[in-house]
């Protein structure tokens, strides 16, 4: 499961989560919202949002984790690239 909450500025907040099926595909339960300045959310289902892993790092016990993501909501002209500043944990 992946969860992202980003407060871009005081007028826009993004919150999305992406669940994976056993086969690695996106679950139909993946969804999220954009929260506007007035506090009103606009809910999005998985087909309207794209979250893609970019790069990875390997832990000391040889487990691979994403080190960045491309996140987009095309119909809202939102395109972000998120990168970890610290790529090692454990």
N, C-alpha and C. Protein backbone atom coordinates (compact mmCIF):
# COMPACT_ATOMS: atom_id res chain seq x y z
N UNK A 1 0.84 -1.17 0.00
CA UNK A 1 0.00 0.00 0.00
C UNK A 1 0.88 1.23 0.00
N UNK A 2 0.47 2.24 -0.72
CA UNK A 2 1.17 3.51 -0.70
C UNK A 2 0.19 4.61 -0.34
N UNK A 3 0.63 5.55 0.46
CA UNK A 3 -0.22 6.67 0.86
C UNK A 3 0.58 7.93 0.66
N UNK A 4 -0.04 8.92 0.06
CA UNK A 4 0.62 10.20 -0.10
C UNK A 4 -0.33 11.30 0.34
N UNK A 5 0.17 12.21 1.18
CA UNK A 5 -0.56 13.40 1.56
C UNK A 5 0.39 14.55 1.35
N UNK A 6 0.01 15.48 0.50
CA UNK A 6 0.87 16.61 0.16
C UNK A 6 0.08 17.89 0.34
N UNK A 7 0.65 18.80 1.12
CA UNK A 7 0.05 20.12 1.21
C UNK A 7 0.94 21.04 0.40
N UNK A 8 0.48 21.38 -0.81
CA UNK A 8 1.28 22.17 -1.73
C UNK A 8 1.36 23.63 -1.32
N UNK A 9 0.29 24.13 -0.81
CA UNK A 9 0.25 25.51 -0.31
C UNK A 9 -1.01 25.60 0.55
N UNK A 10 -1.36 26.76 1.00
CA UNK A 10 -2.51 26.86 1.90
C UNK A 10 -3.85 26.73 1.19
N UNK A 11 -3.84 26.65 -0.13
CA UNK A 11 -5.12 26.54 -0.83
C UNK A 11 -5.37 25.17 -1.44
N UNK A 12 -4.41 24.26 -1.41
CA UNK A 12 -4.60 22.98 -2.06
C UNK A 12 -3.90 21.86 -1.30
N UNK A 13 -4.62 20.79 -1.04
CA UNK A 13 -4.04 19.61 -0.40
C UNK A 13 -4.42 18.40 -1.23
N UNK A 14 -3.49 17.45 -1.34
CA UNK A 14 -3.73 16.21 -2.08
C UNK A 14 -3.59 15.04 -1.12
N UNK A 15 -4.49 14.08 -1.23
CA UNK A 15 -4.36 12.87 -0.44
C UNK A 15 -4.84 11.70 -1.30
N UNK A 16 -3.95 10.74 -1.53
CA UNK A 16 -4.28 9.58 -2.33
C UNK A 16 -3.64 8.35 -1.72
N UNK A 17 -4.27 7.23 -1.90
CA UNK A 17 -3.62 5.98 -1.53
C UNK A 17 -3.82 4.98 -2.66
N UNK A 18 -2.81 4.15 -2.82
CA UNK A 18 -2.84 3.15 -3.88
C UNK A 18 -2.59 1.78 -3.26
N UNK A 19 -3.56 0.92 -3.38
CA UNK A 19 -3.45 -0.45 -2.91
C UNK A 19 -3.09 -1.34 -4.07
N UNK A 20 -2.34 -2.40 -3.80
CA UNK A 20 -1.98 -3.34 -4.86
C UNK A 20 -2.67 -4.67 -4.64
N UNK A 21 -3.05 -5.29 -5.73
CA UNK A 21 -3.57 -6.66 -5.70
C UNK A 21 -2.39 -7.62 -5.55
N UNK A 22 -2.68 -8.87 -5.29
CA UNK A 22 -1.62 -9.88 -5.16
C UNK A 22 -0.76 -9.98 -6.42
N UNK A 23 -1.35 -9.70 -7.58
CA UNK A 23 -0.60 -9.78 -8.83
C UNK A 23 0.21 -8.51 -9.11
N UNK A 24 0.15 -7.53 -8.20
CA UNK A 24 0.90 -6.29 -8.36
C UNK A 24 0.13 -5.17 -9.02
N UNK A 25 -1.05 -5.47 -9.57
CA UNK A 25 -1.87 -4.44 -10.21
C UNK A 25 -2.55 -3.54 -9.18
N UNK A 26 -3.08 -2.43 -9.64
CA UNK A 26 -3.77 -1.49 -8.75
C UNK A 26 -5.14 -2.01 -8.35
N UNK A 27 -5.42 -1.93 -7.08
CA UNK A 27 -6.72 -2.35 -6.56
C UNK A 27 -7.80 -1.35 -6.96
N UNK A 28 -9.01 -1.85 -7.12
CA UNK A 28 -10.14 -0.97 -7.42
C UNK A 28 -10.46 -0.06 -6.23
N UNK A 29 -9.88 -0.33 -5.07
CA UNK A 29 -10.14 0.47 -3.88
C UNK A 29 -9.16 1.63 -3.73
N UNK A 30 -8.22 1.80 -4.65
CA UNK A 30 -7.30 2.93 -4.63
C UNK A 30 -8.08 4.19 -4.98
N UNK A 31 -7.89 5.24 -4.19
CA UNK A 31 -8.59 6.49 -4.46
C UNK A 31 -8.01 7.62 -3.64
N UNK A 32 -8.60 8.78 -3.73
CA UNK A 32 -8.10 9.92 -2.98
C UNK A 32 -8.93 11.15 -3.20
N UNK A 33 -8.35 12.30 -2.81
CA UNK A 33 -9.08 13.56 -2.90
C UNK A 33 -8.13 14.74 -3.03
N UNK A 34 -8.63 15.78 -3.63
CA UNK A 34 -8.00 17.10 -3.60
C UNK A 34 -8.89 17.94 -2.70
N UNK A 35 -8.28 18.62 -1.73
CA UNK A 35 -9.05 19.46 -0.81
C UNK A 35 -8.70 20.91 -1.13
N UNK A 36 -9.71 21.69 -1.45
CA UNK A 36 -9.52 23.07 -1.85
C UNK A 36 -9.54 24.01 -0.65
N UNK A 37 -9.23 25.27 -0.90
CA UNK A 37 -9.12 26.28 0.15
C UNK A 37 -10.36 26.35 1.03
N UNK A 38 -11.53 26.16 0.43
CA UNK A 38 -12.77 26.25 1.20
C UNK A 38 -13.05 24.98 2.01
N UNK A 39 -12.14 24.00 1.94
CA UNK A 39 -12.30 22.75 2.69
C UNK A 39 -13.12 21.69 1.98
N UNK A 40 -13.64 22.01 0.81
CA UNK A 40 -14.45 21.07 0.05
C UNK A 40 -13.53 20.10 -0.71
N UNK A 41 -13.78 18.79 -0.56
CA UNK A 41 -12.96 17.83 -1.29
C UNK A 41 -13.53 17.50 -2.66
N UNK A 42 -12.66 17.15 -3.55
CA UNK A 42 -13.05 16.58 -4.85
C UNK A 42 -12.46 15.18 -4.86
N UNK A 43 -13.31 14.17 -4.83
CA UNK A 43 -12.87 12.79 -4.73
C UNK A 43 -12.52 12.23 -6.11
N UNK A 44 -11.49 11.39 -6.13
CA UNK A 44 -11.03 10.78 -7.37
C UNK A 44 -10.90 9.27 -7.20
N UNK A 45 -11.30 8.56 -8.22
CA UNK A 45 -11.12 7.11 -8.25
C UNK A 45 -9.81 6.81 -8.97
N UNK A 46 -9.35 5.59 -8.89
CA UNK A 46 -8.02 5.22 -9.37
C UNK A 46 -7.76 5.52 -10.84
N UNK A 47 -8.78 5.44 -11.68
CA UNK A 47 -8.53 5.65 -13.11
C UNK A 47 -8.26 7.12 -13.46
N UNK A 48 -8.53 8.04 -12.55
CA UNK A 48 -8.30 9.47 -12.79
C UNK A 48 -6.94 9.94 -12.27
N UNK A 49 -6.25 9.08 -11.52
CA UNK A 49 -4.98 9.44 -10.88
C UNK A 49 -3.93 8.43 -11.30
N UNK A 50 -2.73 8.91 -11.57
CA UNK A 50 -1.65 8.01 -11.93
C UNK A 50 -0.51 8.19 -10.93
N UNK A 51 -0.10 7.08 -10.31
CA UNK A 51 1.05 7.07 -9.40
C UNK A 51 2.00 6.00 -9.92
N UNK A 52 3.22 6.42 -10.25
CA UNK A 52 4.20 5.51 -10.84
C UNK A 52 5.50 5.59 -10.05
N UNK A 53 6.05 4.44 -9.67
CA UNK A 53 7.35 4.40 -8.99
C UNK A 53 8.44 4.80 -9.95
N UNK A 54 9.40 5.57 -9.44
CA UNK A 54 10.56 5.98 -10.24
C UNK A 54 11.81 5.71 -9.40
N UNK A 55 12.64 4.82 -9.85
CA UNK A 55 13.85 4.49 -9.12
C UNK A 55 13.56 3.65 -7.89
N UNK A 56 14.62 3.15 -7.27
CA UNK A 56 14.45 2.37 -6.05
C UNK A 56 15.76 2.33 -5.28
N UNK A 57 15.68 1.89 -4.07
CA UNK A 57 16.85 1.65 -3.25
C UNK A 57 16.69 0.30 -2.57
N UNK A 58 17.79 -0.30 -2.19
CA UNK A 58 17.75 -1.63 -1.58
C UNK A 58 18.21 -1.54 -0.14
N UNK A 59 17.42 -2.14 0.74
CA UNK A 59 17.75 -2.12 2.17
C UNK A 59 18.91 -3.06 2.47
N UNK A 60 19.41 -2.99 3.69
CA UNK A 60 20.50 -3.86 4.12
C UNK A 60 20.11 -5.33 4.07
N UNK A 61 18.81 -5.60 4.15
CA UNK A 61 18.34 -6.99 4.10
C UNK A 61 17.80 -7.34 2.70
N UNK A 62 18.22 -6.54 1.72
CA UNK A 62 17.97 -6.80 0.29
C UNK A 62 16.49 -6.74 -0.11
N UNK A 63 15.77 -5.82 0.49
CA UNK A 63 14.39 -5.55 0.07
C UNK A 63 14.42 -4.24 -0.72
N UNK A 64 13.78 -4.22 -1.87
CA UNK A 64 13.78 -3.04 -2.72
C UNK A 64 12.54 -2.18 -2.43
N UNK A 65 12.77 -0.88 -2.33
CA UNK A 65 11.71 0.10 -2.08
C UNK A 65 11.78 1.19 -3.13
N UNK A 66 10.65 1.82 -3.47
CA UNK A 66 10.71 2.97 -4.40
C UNK A 66 11.47 4.13 -3.76
N UNK A 67 12.19 4.87 -4.59
CA UNK A 67 12.90 6.06 -4.10
C UNK A 67 12.29 7.33 -4.66
N UNK A 68 11.24 7.19 -5.44
CA UNK A 68 10.56 8.35 -5.98
C UNK A 68 9.29 7.93 -6.70
N UNK A 69 8.46 8.92 -7.00
CA UNK A 69 7.20 8.65 -7.66
C UNK A 69 6.85 9.78 -8.61
N UNK A 70 6.18 9.42 -9.68
CA UNK A 70 5.52 10.41 -10.53
C UNK A 70 4.04 10.33 -10.18
N UNK A 71 3.46 11.46 -9.90
CA UNK A 71 2.08 11.54 -9.44
C UNK A 71 1.36 12.54 -10.33
N UNK A 72 0.23 12.13 -10.90
CA UNK A 72 -0.49 13.08 -11.76
C UNK A 72 -1.99 12.91 -11.67
N UNK A 73 -2.66 14.04 -11.82
CA UNK A 73 -4.11 14.11 -11.98
C UNK A 73 -4.30 14.95 -13.25
N UNK A 74 -4.25 14.28 -14.42
CA UNK A 74 -4.23 15.00 -15.69
C UNK A 74 -5.37 15.99 -15.90
N UNK A 75 -6.59 15.65 -15.51
CA UNK A 75 -7.70 16.57 -15.78
C UNK A 75 -7.66 17.81 -14.88
N UNK A 76 -6.73 17.87 -13.92
CA UNK A 76 -6.53 19.05 -13.07
C UNK A 76 -5.18 19.71 -13.34
N UNK A 77 -4.47 19.21 -14.36
CA UNK A 77 -3.14 19.72 -14.70
C UNK A 77 -2.18 19.66 -13.50
N UNK A 78 -2.26 18.57 -12.76
CA UNK A 78 -1.35 18.35 -11.63
C UNK A 78 -0.37 17.26 -12.04
N UNK A 79 0.92 17.61 -12.06
CA UNK A 79 1.98 16.67 -12.40
C UNK A 79 3.12 16.91 -11.43
N UNK A 80 3.42 15.92 -10.60
CA UNK A 80 4.47 16.05 -9.59
C UNK A 80 5.47 14.92 -9.72
N UNK A 81 6.72 15.22 -9.39
CA UNK A 81 7.73 14.18 -9.24
C UNK A 81 8.23 14.29 -7.81
N UNK A 82 8.07 13.21 -7.05
CA UNK A 82 8.46 13.18 -5.65
C UNK A 82 9.70 12.30 -5.51
N UNK A 83 10.69 12.81 -4.79
CA UNK A 83 11.94 12.08 -4.60
C UNK A 83 12.29 12.04 -3.13
N UNK A 84 12.71 10.88 -2.64
CA UNK A 84 13.15 10.76 -1.25
C UNK A 84 14.46 11.50 -1.05
N UNK A 85 14.57 12.22 0.05
CA UNK A 85 15.84 12.87 0.38
C UNK A 85 16.77 11.89 1.07
N UNK A 86 16.20 11.01 1.87
CA UNK A 86 16.97 10.00 2.59
C UNK A 86 16.55 8.64 2.06
N UNK A 87 17.45 7.95 1.40
CA UNK A 87 17.06 6.70 0.73
C UNK A 87 17.42 5.45 1.52
N UNK A 88 17.91 5.59 2.71
CA UNK A 88 18.21 4.39 3.49
C UNK A 88 17.56 4.46 4.85
N UNK A 89 16.92 3.38 5.20
CA UNK A 89 16.29 3.20 6.51
C UNK A 89 16.49 1.74 6.89
N UNK A 90 16.56 1.45 8.14
CA UNK A 90 16.65 0.13 8.78
C UNK A 90 18.03 -0.27 9.06
